[in-house]
Amino acid sequence: MAMDTSSGTTHQERSRCCFQEWMQLQRQDLTLLQSLHKKPTHNDHEEIKTLICSCIAHFEDYISTRSRLAQEDPSTFFAPTWCTSLENSLLWIAGCRPTIFVRLVYALSGCEVEARLRKWMEGMRNSNDDNSNNFNSISSGSDSVGELSPTQMKRVDELHMRTLRAEEKLTSEMASLQEELADQPIAVIANEMEGIGVMNEEAEMALKEHETAMRGIMEKADELRLNTLKELALEILKPPQALQFLAASKKLHLCLHQWGKWRDEKHGRRSYCD
């Protein structure tokens, strides 16, 4: 089901509504993910898969709605006024870097291993019973991100390298597009104008062509973000691991948004009422 952006009258308002609805869905999804994880039957793979697919469908819907809105004004998604200064400073082609999903898996896995190691070391200090000192005895279980199998870790590494190469290609495309501003026809049009900042039909057409190319790169970046998320959540990770990963990714995004609002208000940049 497509997001409802009809409440906005201008393109800017519709785009803001799209983002706000997406953030609200993330809050709702996070609550559901955390509730399911706490349930005694949280290892019910079918129930988990249903929720995971729902979360991914929400992301697909957001991307689709954003793509339609970008047909009218793609530039606004590269420096969105509805995001905080902190969020905008972290943007890569109108969104997060796809490799962040992979890095999050690495971080979650490493944190769990460190926690298990600390518990093991405490057991070594507090007990003389050799059986209680077995590192594997405090394992968090194979359904935790901290318990990735060698095969899973290899697939995560391969995905990381593929995604890095795809990111570099898109970054290069974006850099070339930005450099073209100092080339024909935009630079020539600006140089030949008698005044400064006068908009004529020729300049409008050149900028529209530039923005069309921007939208194309944004759509490629969104596709890479979605495909990376899908491969991790639906193919590489087990359902309980994907549950943990998705909850962490949504919590990270929501925290960055709230921290950014707090910092903007602290520095007098903006006041928020949402």
Protein backbone atom coordinates (compact mmCIF):
# COMPACT_ATOMS: atom_id res chain seq x y z
CA MET A 1 0.00 0.00 0.00
CA ALA A 2 1.44 3.36 -1.07
CA MET A 3 2.17 6.06 1.46
CA ASP A 4 -0.45 8.79 1.71
CA THR A 5 1.14 12.16 0.95
CA SER A 6 -2.11 13.85 -0.09
CA SER A 7 -2.23 15.92 3.11
CA GLY A 8 0.49 18.19 1.73
CA THR A 9 -0.42 20.93 -0.75
CA THR A 10 3.04 21.83 -2.04
CA HIS A 11 5.76 19.46 -3.20
CA GLN A 12 7.82 20.37 -0.14
CA GLU A 13 4.93 19.50 2.19
CA ARG A 14 4.22 16.21 0.40
CA SER A 15 7.88 15.26 0.64
CA ARG A 16 7.95 16.13 4.33
CA CYS A 17 4.80 14.04 4.89
CA CYS A 18 6.46 11.12 3.13
CA PHE A 19 9.47 11.29 5.47
CA GLN A 20 7.38 11.78 8.62
CA GLU A 21 5.16 8.82 7.75
CA TRP A 22 8.27 6.72 7.12
CA MET A 23 9.71 7.66 10.52
CA GLN A 24 6.41 6.81 12.21
CA LEU A 25 6.40 3.41 10.49
CA GLN A 26 9.94 2.84 11.73
CA ARG A 27 8.83 3.53 15.31
CA GLN A 28 5.93 1.12 14.94
CA ASP A 29 8.11 -1.54 13.33
CA LEU A 30 10.73 -1.18 16.06
CA THR A 31 8.07 -1.72 18.74
CA LEU A 32 6.85 -4.86 16.97
CA LEU A 33 10.38 -6.19 16.47
CA GLN A 34 11.29 -5.66 20.12
CA SER A 35 8.01 -7.16 21.34
CA LEU A 36 8.48 -10.26 19.23
CA HIS A 37 12.06 -10.65 20.41
CA LYS A 38 10.89 -10.60 24.04
CA LYS A 39 8.16 -13.20 23.51
CA PRO A 40 8.82 -16.70 24.92
CA THR A 41 8.16 -18.03 21.41
CA HIS A 42 10.47 -15.53 19.72
CA ASN A 43 12.13 -18.35 17.78
CA ASP A 44 8.98 -18.94 15.71
CA HIS A 45 10.64 -18.45 12.33
CA GLU A 46 7.42 -18.07 10.34
CA GLU A 47 6.13 -15.31 12.61
CA ILE A 48 9.49 -13.56 12.42
CA LYS A 49 9.65 -13.86 8.62
CA THR A 50 6.22 -12.27 8.31
CA LEU A 51 7.33 -9.26 10.35
CA ILE A 52 10.65 -8.97 8.50
CA CYS A 53 8.86 -8.97 5.14
CA SER A 54 6.49 -6.30 6.44
CA CYS A 55 9.40 -4.08 7.51
CA ILE A 56 11.08 -4.46 4.12
CA ALA A 57 7.79 -3.76 2.34
CA HIS A 58 7.54 -0.49 4.28
CA PHE A 59 11.03 0.46 3.07
CA GLU A 60 10.11 -0.43 -0.53
CA ASP A 61 6.96 1.67 -0.25
CA TYR A 62 8.95 4.63 1.08
CA ILE A 63 11.44 4.35 -1.78
CA SER A 64 8.65 4.10 -4.35
CA THR A 65 6.81 7.14 -2.97
CA ARG A 66 10.03 9.14 -2.80
CA SER A 67 10.85 8.23 -6.39
CA ARG A 68 7.48 9.55 -7.58
CA LEU A 69 7.97 12.78 -5.64
CA ALA A 70 11.49 13.15 -7.06
CA GLN A 71 10.09 13.33 -10.58
CA GLU A 72 8.93 16.84 -9.75
CA ASP A 73 11.89 18.07 -7.67
CA PRO A 74 14.80 15.66 -7.07
CA SER A 75 17.17 18.26 -5.57
CA THR A 76 15.16 18.52 -2.37
CA PHE A 77 16.00 14.93 -1.42
CA PHE A 78 19.75 15.61 -1.53
CA ALA A 79 19.48 18.32 1.15
CA PRO A 80 16.10 17.73 2.80
CA THR A 81 14.85 20.49 5.07
CA TRP A 82 12.86 17.94 7.10
CA CYS A 83 16.07 16.21 8.24
CA THR A 84 18.37 17.53 10.94
CA SER A 85 21.81 19.02 10.26
CA LEU A 86 23.37 15.87 11.71
CA GLU A 87 21.37 13.62 9.38
CA ASN A 88 22.15 15.76 6.33
CA SER A 89 25.87 15.65 7.15
CA LEU A 90 25.70 11.84 6.95
CA LEU A 91 23.80 11.61 3.66
CA TRP A 92 25.20 9.69 0.70
CA ILE A 93 23.18 10.27 -2.49
CA ALA A 94 19.98 11.20 -0.63
CA GLY A 95 20.19 8.41 1.95
CA CYS A 96 22.46 6.21 4.00
CA ARG A 97 25.39 4.30 2.58
CA PRO A 98 24.29 0.72 1.83
CA THR A 99 27.49 -0.58 3.43
CA ILE A 100 26.22 0.78 6.77
CA PHE A 101 23.89 -2.23 6.90
CA VAL A 102 26.87 -4.57 6.63
CA ARG A 103 28.95 -2.59 9.11
CA LEU A 104 26.06 -2.83 11.58
CA VAL A 105 26.13 -6.63 11.32
CA TYR A 106 29.88 -6.56 12.02
CA ALA A 107 29.33 -4.24 15.00
CA LEU A 108 26.53 -6.34 16.51
CA SER A 109 28.54 -9.52 16.06
CA GLY A 110 31.66 -7.99 17.61
CA CYS A 111 29.79 -6.53 20.58
CA GLU A 112 28.22 -9.89 21.41
CA VAL A 113 31.53 -11.72 21.20
CA GLU A 114 33.14 -9.12 23.49
CA ALA A 115 30.28 -9.48 25.98
CA ARG A 116 30.62 -13.24 25.98
CA LEU A 117 34.38 -12.94 26.45
CA ARG A 118 33.91 -10.64 29.46
CA LYS A 119 31.51 -13.14 31.03
CA TRP A 120 33.98 -15.93 30.39
CA MET A 121 36.81 -13.93 32.00
CA GLU A 122 34.61 -13.22 35.02
CA GLY A 123 33.88 -16.92 35.28
CA MET A 124 37.60 -17.65 35.19
CA ARG A 125 38.16 -15.28 38.12
CA ASN A 126 35.14 -16.35 40.18
CA SER A 127 35.16 -20.13 39.79
CA ASN A 128 37.61 -22.96 40.02
CA ASP A 129 35.24 -25.32 38.22
CA ASP A 130 36.78 -26.05 34.83
CA ASN A 131 33.40 -26.91 33.34
CA SER A 132 32.04 -23.44 34.10
CA ASN A 133 34.97 -21.86 32.32
CA ASN A 134 33.99 -23.18 28.91
CA PHE A 135 33.62 -20.21 26.56
CA ASN A 136 30.94 -22.01 24.55
CA SER A 137 28.82 -22.57 27.64
CA ILE A 138 27.91 -18.88 27.68
CA SER A 139 27.17 -18.72 23.98
CA SER A 140 24.16 -16.59 23.17
CA GLY A 141 22.96 -19.24 20.75
CA SER A 142 23.16 -19.77 16.99
CA ASP A 143 20.12 -17.53 16.50
CA SER A 144 22.05 -14.44 17.61
CA VAL A 145 24.00 -12.12 15.29
CA GLY A 146 26.97 -12.83 17.54
CA GLU A 147 26.85 -16.45 16.40
CA LEU A 148 27.30 -16.09 12.65
CA SER A 149 28.54 -19.30 11.08
CA PRO A 150 31.73 -19.29 8.95
CA THR A 151 29.55 -19.60 5.84
CA GLN A 152 27.40 -16.65 6.91
CA MET A 153 30.44 -14.52 7.69
CA LYS A 154 31.93 -15.31 4.29
CA ARG A 155 28.70 -14.25 2.59
CA VAL A 156 28.58 -11.04 4.64
CA ASP A 157 32.18 -10.26 3.63
CA GLU A 158 31.40 -10.91 -0.04
CA LEU A 159 28.33 -8.69 0.14
CA HIS A 160 30.42 -5.98 1.78
CA MET A 161 32.98 -5.99 -1.05
CA ARG A 162 30.31 -6.03 -3.78
CA THR A 163 28.42 -3.19 -2.13
CA LEU A 164 31.59 -1.14 -1.71
CA ARG A 165 32.34 -1.46 -5.42
CA ALA A 166 28.78 -0.46 -6.31
CA GLU A 167 28.99 2.53 -3.95
CA GLU A 168 32.26 3.67 -5.52
CA LYS A 169 30.72 3.48 -8.99
CA LEU A 170 27.73 5.60 -7.98
CA THR A 171 29.97 8.05 -6.10
CA SER A 172 31.99 8.47 -9.29
CA GLU A 173 28.81 9.06 -11.31
CA MET A 174 27.67 11.69 -8.82
CA ALA A 175 31.07 13.40 -8.87
CA SER A 176 31.02 13.56 -12.68
CA LEU A 177 27.54 15.05 -12.62
CA GLN A 178 28.61 17.72 -10.12
CA GLU A 179 31.70 18.57 -12.17
CA GLU A 180 29.54 19.07 -15.25
CA LEU A 181 28.18 22.25 -13.66
CA ALA A 182 31.47 23.92 -14.62
CA ASP A 183 31.13 22.63 -18.19
CA GLN A 184 28.69 23.16 -21.02
CA PRO A 185 25.92 24.11 -21.13
CA ILE A 186 25.30 25.46 -17.60
CA ALA A 187 28.61 27.30 -17.14
CA VAL A 188 28.35 28.85 -20.60
CA ILE A 189 24.76 29.98 -19.99
CA ALA A 190 25.77 31.64 -16.70
CA ASN A 191 28.78 33.34 -18.29
CA GLU A 192 26.78 34.80 -21.17
CA MET A 193 24.04 36.29 -18.99
CA GLU A 194 24.06 40.05 -18.55
CA GLY A 195 22.72 39.90 -14.99
CA ILE A 196 23.23 37.50 -12.10
CA GLY A 197 20.73 34.82 -11.26
CA VAL A 198 18.30 35.63 -14.05
CA MET A 199 16.31 32.50 -14.92
CA ASN A 200 15.57 32.03 -18.60
CA GLU A 201 14.23 29.12 -20.62
CA GLU A 202 17.69 27.92 -21.61
CA ALA A 203 18.91 27.82 -18.00
CA GLU A 204 15.69 26.15 -16.84
CA MET A 205 16.05 23.39 -19.43
CA ALA A 206 19.71 22.79 -18.55
CA LEU A 207 18.97 22.56 -14.83
CA LYS A 208 16.02 20.26 -15.44
CA GLU A 209 18.25 17.93 -17.45
CA HIS A 210 20.81 18.01 -14.62
CA GLU A 211 18.14 17.17 -12.04
CA THR A 212 16.84 14.30 -14.18
CA ALA A 213 20.31 12.78 -14.05
CA MET A 214 20.39 13.34 -10.27
CA ARG A 215 17.10 11.49 -9.90
CA GLY A 216 18.49 8.57 -11.91
CA ILE A 217 21.49 8.26 -9.60
CA MET A 218 19.26 8.52 -6.52
CA GLU A 219 17.08 5.68 -7.81
CA LYS A 220 20.18 3.52 -8.37
CA ALA A 221 21.36 4.30 -4.84
CA ASP A 222 17.93 3.44 -3.41
CA GLU A 223 17.96 0.16 -5.31
CA LEU A 224 21.39 -0.66 -3.89
CA ARG A 225 20.21 0.18 -0.37
CA LEU A 226 17.14 -2.03 -0.75
CA ASN A 227 19.00 -4.96 -2.33
CA THR A 228 21.70 -4.89 0.37
CA LEU A 229 19.07 -4.89 3.11
CA LYS A 230 17.15 -7.73 1.45
CA GLU A 231 20.21 -9.92 0.97
CA LEU A 232 21.16 -9.56 4.62
CA ALA A 233 17.69 -9.92 6.16
CA LEU A 234 16.19 -12.51 3.82
CA GLU A 235 19.13 -14.55 2.54
CA ILE A 236 22.18 -14.44 4.80
CA LEU A 237 20.86 -14.03 8.33
CA LYS A 238 18.58 -16.51 10.05
CA PRO A 239 15.15 -15.05 10.92
CA PRO A 240 15.98 -14.40 14.62
CA GLN A 241 19.29 -12.82 13.57
CA ALA A 242 17.50 -10.65 11.01
CA LEU A 243 15.02 -9.64 13.72
CA GLN A 244 17.88 -8.42 15.90
CA PHE A 245 19.58 -6.68 12.97
CA LEU A 246 16.46 -4.84 11.78
CA ALA A 247 15.63 -3.68 15.30
CA ALA A 248 19.17 -2.31 15.71
CA SER A 249 19.12 -0.54 12.33
CA LYS A 250 15.80 1.17 13.02
CA LYS A 251 16.85 2.16 16.52
CA LEU A 252 20.07 3.66 15.12
CA HIS A 253 18.15 5.74 12.55
CA LEU A 254 15.59 6.94 15.10
CA CYS A 255 18.29 7.82 17.63
CA LEU A 256 20.28 9.80 15.06
CA HIS A 257 17.12 11.72 14.16
CA GLN A 258 16.39 12.57 17.80
CA TRP A 259 20.02 13.40 18.59
CA GLY A 260 20.09 15.66 15.52
CA LYS A 261 16.97 17.51 16.67
CA TRP A 262 18.49 18.00 20.10
CA ARG A 263 21.73 19.37 18.61
CA ASP A 264 19.89 21.71 16.24
CA GLU A 265 17.85 23.14 19.10
CA LYS A 266 20.95 23.41 21.30
CA HIS A 267 22.74 25.48 18.65
CA GLY A 268 19.67 27.57 17.83
CA ARG A 269 19.38 26.26 14.30
CA ARG A 270 15.78 25.11 14.50
CA SER A 271 12.92 24.30 16.84
CA TYR A 272 10.92 21.13 16.31
CA CYS A 273 7.29 20.54 17.15
CA ASP A 274 6.97 16.96 15.83
